[in-house]
Amino acid sequence: MQLGEPNVSNCDTGELLLSQAEFCAITAALRRSAAAALPGFPKCALGLAPEAATALGCASKASEPSKSPSGQCVGKRRLCASPTEGIPVRRSARTLARRSAGGELFVTLADAERLKSAAVELYLSKRTFLPEKHLLRPRVFHGVHFRTYVLVDGHLRRESEKHDESCCYLGALTLRLNSYRSKQTTRWAQILNMCTRFERRGHGMRLFREVERLVSACDDVDVLVCYPADDGAALFWKACGFSERHRSLLPDDDLLPTNEGGNLIPEVRGGDGADLARWEKAVSRPMQH
């Protein structure tokens, strides 16, 4: 991965403007090599600028100018404080414009009102989610531990400036991040809602693969859980690597449902209320060197 002029445009010294994919790649690289690469220097910090940009900076105490081992000042490096633990919030308008300019399909965190509204609109267009329609907006708009991602067609988004913008949003996925009760350093996540505007075009698989990569790199997720709603959903999740397991990947303590004080949200079939089977997948973690 190479960074260029768009990453430093309108940024202060010591900052970079990054897409979510760039942020995750650099985060993983720094986690692996910062200790060896920067002996004697202030610790690196990754976070957000106050204007909710994805920024990369190095900081010492109180954002004071840092010094090299020789005592020479190497410039002010301010610490960017993150309002949301574990997830990079981005300059949505600028980043979306840059990605859209390339006319590509891309996945973005729904951190803006129009993206959240687009996700809810997609969910409500599917019969599967109508029995839980009262839960969709709270999850997408107000859920503290919830993340929603949207698949965007960059070409259609450029064209939609003259027409209906909603046509450029091709899919959405909402999940809940959960910490292990045993205080592990990793987390697990439950996929609650996912749909695409058009079926059998590969959009669902593309959306899931990118979200899987992002939550692994950015949120330290090592297990994903879902409840396939029907036979078609089961075929899709099987292709994504999920399966119904006799022995869960989750510890017993984390299998407690929410009504018993746990984090797991069991799901039922909309028609007859029958319990749905829980499927799980182990997520590959970034390689450590």
Protein backbone atom coordinates (compact mmCIF):
# COMPACT_ATOMS: atom_id res chain seq x y z
CA MET A 1 0.00 0.00 0.00
CA GLN A 2 1.30 3.45 -0.95
CA LEU A 3 0.13 6.78 0.46
CA GLY A 4 0.12 9.94 -1.60
CA GLU A 5 -1.04 13.55 -1.88
CA PRO A 6 -4.73 12.85 -1.02
CA ASN A 7 -3.65 11.50 2.37
CA VAL A 8 -2.00 14.75 3.45
CA SER A 9 -4.21 17.33 1.75
CA ASN A 10 -5.51 19.89 4.29
CA CYS A 11 -3.91 18.01 7.17
CA ASP A 12 -1.79 19.45 9.97
CA THR A 13 1.81 18.39 10.54
CA GLY A 14 1.92 14.88 11.90
CA GLU A 15 -1.50 13.90 10.55
CA LEU A 16 -2.71 11.74 7.69
CA LEU A 17 -6.15 11.51 6.12
CA LEU A 18 -6.88 7.81 5.66
CA SER A 19 -9.64 5.66 4.30
CA GLN A 20 -10.85 2.92 6.64
CA ALA A 21 -8.90 0.26 4.74
CA GLU A 22 -5.71 2.37 4.90
CA PHE A 23 -6.26 3.00 8.61
CA CYS A 24 -6.64 -0.71 9.35
CA ALA A 25 -3.59 -1.68 7.31
CA ILE A 26 -1.38 0.91 9.03
CA THR A 27 -2.79 0.01 12.47
CA ALA A 28 -1.89 -3.63 11.97
CA ALA A 29 1.59 -2.76 10.71
CA LEU A 30 2.33 -0.45 13.64
CA ARG A 31 1.08 -2.97 16.17
CA ARG A 32 3.56 -5.47 14.80
CA SER A 33 6.60 -3.26 14.47
CA ALA A 34 6.31 -0.04 16.50
CA ALA A 35 8.22 -1.34 19.52
CA ALA A 36 11.17 -2.45 17.41
CA ALA A 37 11.11 0.44 14.96
CA LEU A 38 10.88 3.31 17.46
CA PRO A 39 13.17 2.54 20.42
CA GLY A 40 13.48 5.51 22.73
CA PHE A 41 10.75 7.54 21.01
CA PRO A 42 7.31 8.41 22.41
CA LYS A 43 4.73 5.71 21.99
CA CYS A 44 2.62 5.79 18.85
CA ALA A 45 -1.08 6.54 19.17
CA LEU A 46 -3.79 5.97 16.60
CA GLY A 47 -7.01 7.88 16.99
CA LEU A 48 -9.34 10.57 15.73
CA ALA A 49 -9.08 14.28 15.32
CA PRO A 50 -11.80 16.28 17.13
CA GLU A 51 -13.58 16.89 13.81
CA ALA A 52 -14.14 13.11 13.52
CA ALA A 53 -11.41 12.51 10.97
CA THR A 54 -9.33 9.38 10.79
CA ALA A 55 -5.95 10.70 11.79
CA LEU A 56 -2.61 9.11 12.48
CA GLY A 57 -0.22 10.77 14.86
CA CYS A 58 2.49 10.21 17.45
CA ALA A 59 2.14 11.84 20.84
CA SER A 60 3.97 12.28 24.08
CA LYS A 61 2.52 13.68 27.30
CA ALA A 62 0.16 16.65 26.99
CA SER A 63 0.88 16.96 23.25
CA GLU A 64 4.16 18.71 23.93
CA PRO A 65 6.94 18.84 21.33
CA SER A 66 8.79 15.53 21.39
CA LYS A 67 12.52 15.07 21.36
CA SER A 68 14.82 12.59 19.74
CA PRO A 69 17.33 10.63 21.83
CA SER A 70 19.88 13.34 21.03
CA GLY A 71 17.67 15.99 22.64
CA GLN A 72 16.67 17.75 19.42
CA CYS A 73 13.05 18.77 19.09
CA VAL A 74 11.36 16.89 16.28
CA GLY A 75 8.12 18.89 16.23
CA LYS A 76 4.77 18.91 17.90
CA ARG A 77 2.85 15.67 17.56
CA ARG A 78 -0.62 15.89 19.02
CA LEU A 79 -2.62 12.98 20.34
CA CYS A 80 -5.95 12.53 18.57
CA ALA A 81 -8.60 11.40 21.04
CA SER A 82 -11.16 8.87 19.87
CA PRO A 83 -14.81 9.31 20.93
CA THR A 84 -15.61 5.66 20.11
CA GLU A 85 -13.33 2.88 21.29
CA GLY A 86 -11.98 0.52 18.68
CA ILE A 87 -13.50 1.94 15.49
CA PRO A 88 -12.10 4.64 13.23
CA VAL A 89 -14.65 7.32 12.40
CA ARG A 90 -13.83 9.05 9.13
CA ARG A 91 -14.34 12.36 7.36
CA SER A 92 -17.30 10.83 5.56
CA ALA A 93 -17.98 13.51 2.94
CA ARG A 94 -14.38 13.84 1.78
CA THR A 95 -13.57 10.15 1.90
CA LEU A 96 -16.76 9.11 0.13
CA ALA A 97 -16.11 11.70 -2.56
CA ARG A 98 -12.59 10.39 -3.10
CA ARG A 99 -13.71 6.76 -3.28
CA SER A 100 -16.66 7.62 -5.51
CA ALA A 101 -14.40 9.46 -7.93
CA GLY A 102 -12.83 6.13 -8.86
CA GLY A 103 -16.21 4.61 -9.71
CA GLU A 104 -15.49 1.55 -7.56
CA LEU A 105 -17.56 -0.60 -5.22
CA PHE A 106 -16.45 -0.03 -1.65
CA VAL A 107 -17.58 -0.70 1.92
CA THR A 108 -17.83 2.13 4.42
CA LEU A 109 -18.82 2.47 8.06
CA ALA A 110 -22.26 4.05 8.39
CA ASP A 111 -21.12 6.98 10.52
CA ALA A 112 -23.25 9.64 8.78
CA GLU A 113 -27.01 10.15 8.92
CA ARG A 114 -27.55 9.46 5.22
CA LEU A 115 -25.64 6.18 5.42
CA LYS A 116 -27.59 5.04 8.47
CA SER A 117 -30.85 5.99 6.79
CA ALA A 118 -29.81 4.09 3.67
CA ALA A 119 -29.11 0.97 5.76
CA VAL A 120 -32.51 1.12 7.47
CA GLU A 121 -34.22 1.65 4.10
CA LEU A 122 -32.48 -1.44 2.72
CA TYR A 123 -33.52 -3.57 5.70
CA LEU A 124 -37.14 -2.43 5.55
CA SER A 125 -37.28 -3.38 1.86
CA LYS A 126 -36.90 -7.06 2.84
CA ARG A 127 -39.74 -9.15 4.27
CA THR A 128 -37.32 -11.06 6.47
CA PHE A 129 -36.74 -8.06 8.73
CA LEU A 130 -40.34 -6.81 9.00
CA PRO A 131 -41.05 -8.73 12.27
CA GLU A 132 -38.17 -6.86 13.93
CA LYS A 133 -38.60 -3.51 12.18
CA HIS A 134 -38.96 -1.80 15.58
CA LEU A 135 -35.36 -2.83 16.37
CA LEU A 136 -33.70 -1.64 13.18
CA ARG A 137 -33.44 2.11 13.80
CA PRO A 138 -32.26 1.76 17.44
CA ARG A 139 -29.55 -0.67 16.32
CA VAL A 140 -28.35 1.44 13.41
CA PHE A 141 -28.74 4.91 14.88
CA HIS A 142 -28.32 4.57 18.63
CA GLY A 143 -26.68 1.24 19.47
CA VAL A 144 -23.52 1.79 21.53
CA HIS A 145 -21.95 -1.57 20.67
CA PHE A 146 -23.42 -1.86 17.19
CA ARG A 147 -21.65 -1.24 13.88
CA THR A 148 -23.33 -0.84 10.50
CA TYR A 149 -21.47 -1.02 7.20
CA VAL A 150 -22.78 -0.09 3.75
CA LEU A 151 -21.69 -1.28 0.30
CA VAL A 152 -21.55 1.73 -2.04
CA ASP A 153 -21.33 1.88 -5.84
CA GLY A 154 -18.99 4.79 -6.49
CA HIS A 155 -20.10 5.22 -10.10
CA LEU A 156 -23.79 5.35 -9.19
CA ARG A 157 -23.05 7.72 -6.34
CA ARG A 158 -21.50 10.20 -8.76
CA GLU A 159 -24.52 9.92 -11.03
CA SER A 160 -26.94 10.15 -8.09
CA GLU A 161 -25.92 13.75 -7.48
CA LYS A 162 -28.42 14.48 -10.27
CA HIS A 163 -30.93 11.76 -9.33
CA ASP A 164 -31.99 9.61 -6.36
CA GLU A 165 -28.97 8.97 -4.13
CA SER A 166 -30.42 5.82 -2.56
CA CYS A 167 -29.74 3.75 -5.70
CA CYS A 168 -25.98 3.81 -5.03
CA TYR A 169 -26.30 1.92 -1.72
CA LEU A 170 -26.18 -1.76 -2.64
CA GLY A 171 -26.07 -3.56 0.71
CA ALA A 172 -25.88 -3.16 4.48
CA LEU A 173 -24.67 -5.23 7.42
CA THR A 174 -25.21 -4.57 11.12
CA LEU A 175 -23.40 -6.41 13.90
CA ARG A 176 -22.89 -6.13 17.61
CA LEU A 177 -19.40 -6.20 19.17
CA ASN A 178 -19.08 -8.10 22.43
CA SER A 179 -16.24 -8.40 24.90
CA TYR A 180 -15.52 -11.84 26.32
CA ARG A 181 -16.64 -12.18 29.91
CA SER A 182 -13.28 -13.77 30.71
CA LYS A 183 -11.53 -10.46 29.87
CA GLN A 184 -9.70 -11.73 26.79
CA THR A 185 -7.86 -9.26 24.58
CA THR A 186 -10.02 -10.21 21.59
CA ARG A 187 -13.75 -9.85 21.05
CA TRP A 188 -16.58 -11.64 19.30
CA ALA A 189 -19.38 -10.24 17.19
CA GLN A 190 -22.92 -11.26 16.28
CA ILE A 191 -24.27 -10.42 12.83
CA LEU A 192 -27.84 -9.24 13.31
CA ASN A 193 -28.94 -7.89 9.94
CA MET A 194 -27.59 -8.13 6.42
CA CYS A 195 -29.16 -7.63 3.01
CA THR A 196 -28.38 -6.45 -0.52
CA ARG A 197 -30.51 -4.43 -2.93
CA PHE A 198 -29.97 -6.92 -5.75
CA GLU A 199 -29.65 -10.69 -5.36
CA ARG A 200 -27.09 -13.01 -6.97
CA ARG A 201 -24.63 -10.33 -8.08
CA GLY A 202 -21.89 -11.06 -5.54
CA HIS A 203 -22.67 -7.94 -3.51
CA GLY A 204 -23.42 -9.85 -0.31
CA MET A 205 -20.18 -11.80 -0.39
CA ARG A 206 -18.17 -8.67 -1.17
CA LEU A 207 -19.79 -6.79 1.70
CA PHE A 208 -19.24 -9.61 4.19
CA ARG A 209 -15.60 -10.26 3.24
CA GLU A 210 -14.70 -6.60 3.68
CA VAL A 211 -16.55 -6.29 6.99
CA GLU A 212 -14.88 -9.48 8.22
CA ARG A 213 -11.47 -8.00 7.40
CA LEU A 214 -12.29 -4.68 9.06
CA VAL A 215 -13.60 -6.06 12.35
CA SER A 216 -10.66 -8.44 12.57
CA ALA A 217 -8.08 -5.69 12.04
CA CYS A 218 -9.81 -2.79 13.81
CA ASP A 219 -11.87 -4.44 16.54
CA ASP A 220 -9.84 -7.58 17.35
CA VAL A 221 -12.79 -9.86 16.55
CA ASP A 222 -11.90 -13.56 16.40
CA VAL A 223 -15.35 -15.21 16.30
CA LEU A 224 -18.46 -14.29 14.31
CA VAL A 225 -21.96 -15.57 15.11
CA CYS A 226 -25.14 -15.48 13.03
CA TYR A 227 -28.60 -17.05 12.89
CA PRO A 228 -29.57 -17.93 9.28
CA ALA A 229 -33.24 -17.02 8.82
CA ASP A 230 -34.06 -19.52 6.05
CA ASP A 231 -32.56 -22.04 3.64
CA GLY A 232 -31.33 -19.34 1.26
CA ALA A 233 -29.57 -17.51 4.08
CA ALA A 234 -28.06 -20.79 5.27
CA LEU A 235 -26.53 -21.40 1.83
CA PHE A 236 -25.03 -17.91 1.82
CA TRP A 237 -23.54 -18.14 5.31
CA LYS A 238 -22.16 -21.61 4.56
CA ALA A 239 -20.36 -20.13 1.55
CA CYS A 240 -18.94 -17.47 3.89
CA GLY A 241 -17.44 -20.16 6.13
CA PHE A 242 -20.09 -20.42 8.87
CA SER A 243 -21.43 -23.70 10.19
CA GLU A 244 -23.62 -25.04 12.96
CA ARG A 245 -21.26 -26.47 15.55
CA HIS A 246 -21.80 -29.14 18.19
CA ARG A 247 -19.15 -27.46 20.34
CA SER A 248 -19.29 -23.69 20.31
CA LEU A 249 -16.30 -21.48 19.59
CA LEU A 250 -17.52 -19.24 22.41
CA PRO A 251 -16.82 -19.97 26.08
CA ASP A 252 -19.83 -21.15 28.09
CA ASP A 253 -20.07 -17.78 29.89
CA ASP A 254 -20.57 -16.00 26.56
CA LEU A 255 -23.43 -18.29 25.49
CA LEU A 256 -25.76 -16.64 28.01
CA PRO A 257 -28.62 -14.85 26.25
CA THR A 258 -29.40 -11.20 26.93
CA ASN A 259 -32.42 -12.07 29.09
CA GLU A 260 -30.04 -13.90 31.46
CA GLY A 261 -27.48 -11.12 31.62
CA GLY A 262 -25.32 -12.19 28.66
CA ASN A 263 -24.64 -10.62 25.27
CA LEU A 264 -25.92 -13.31 22.91
CA ILE A 265 -29.15 -12.39 21.10
CA PRO A 266 -31.01 -15.60 20.15
CA GLU A 267 -33.24 -15.24 17.08
CA VAL A 268 -36.49 -16.91 16.04
CA ARG A 269 -38.20 -17.53 12.71
CA GLY A 270 -40.67 -14.81 11.86
CA GLY A 271 -43.48 -17.09 10.72
CA ASP A 272 -43.88 -19.58 13.58
CA GLY A 273 -41.49 -18.27 16.25
CA ALA A 274 -39.31 -21.38 16.17
CA ASP A 275 -35.78 -20.99 17.50
CA LEU A 276 -33.15 -20.56 14.79
CA ALA A 277 -29.85 -22.46 14.85
CA ARG A 278 -26.71 -20.56 15.83
CA TRP A 279 -23.89 -20.68 13.27
CA GLU A 280 -20.33 -19.63 14.01
CA LYS A 281 -17.07 -18.89 12.26
CA ALA A 282 -13.51 -18.44 13.52
CA VAL A 283 -12.02 -15.26 12.05
CA SER A 284 -8.43 -15.23 10.87
CA ARG A 285 -6.41 -12.67 12.81
CA PRO A 286 -3.73 -10.45 11.21
CA MET A 287 -0.34 -12.15 11.23
CA GLN A 288 2.00 -11.06 14.01
CA HIS A 289 5.70 -10.75 13.26
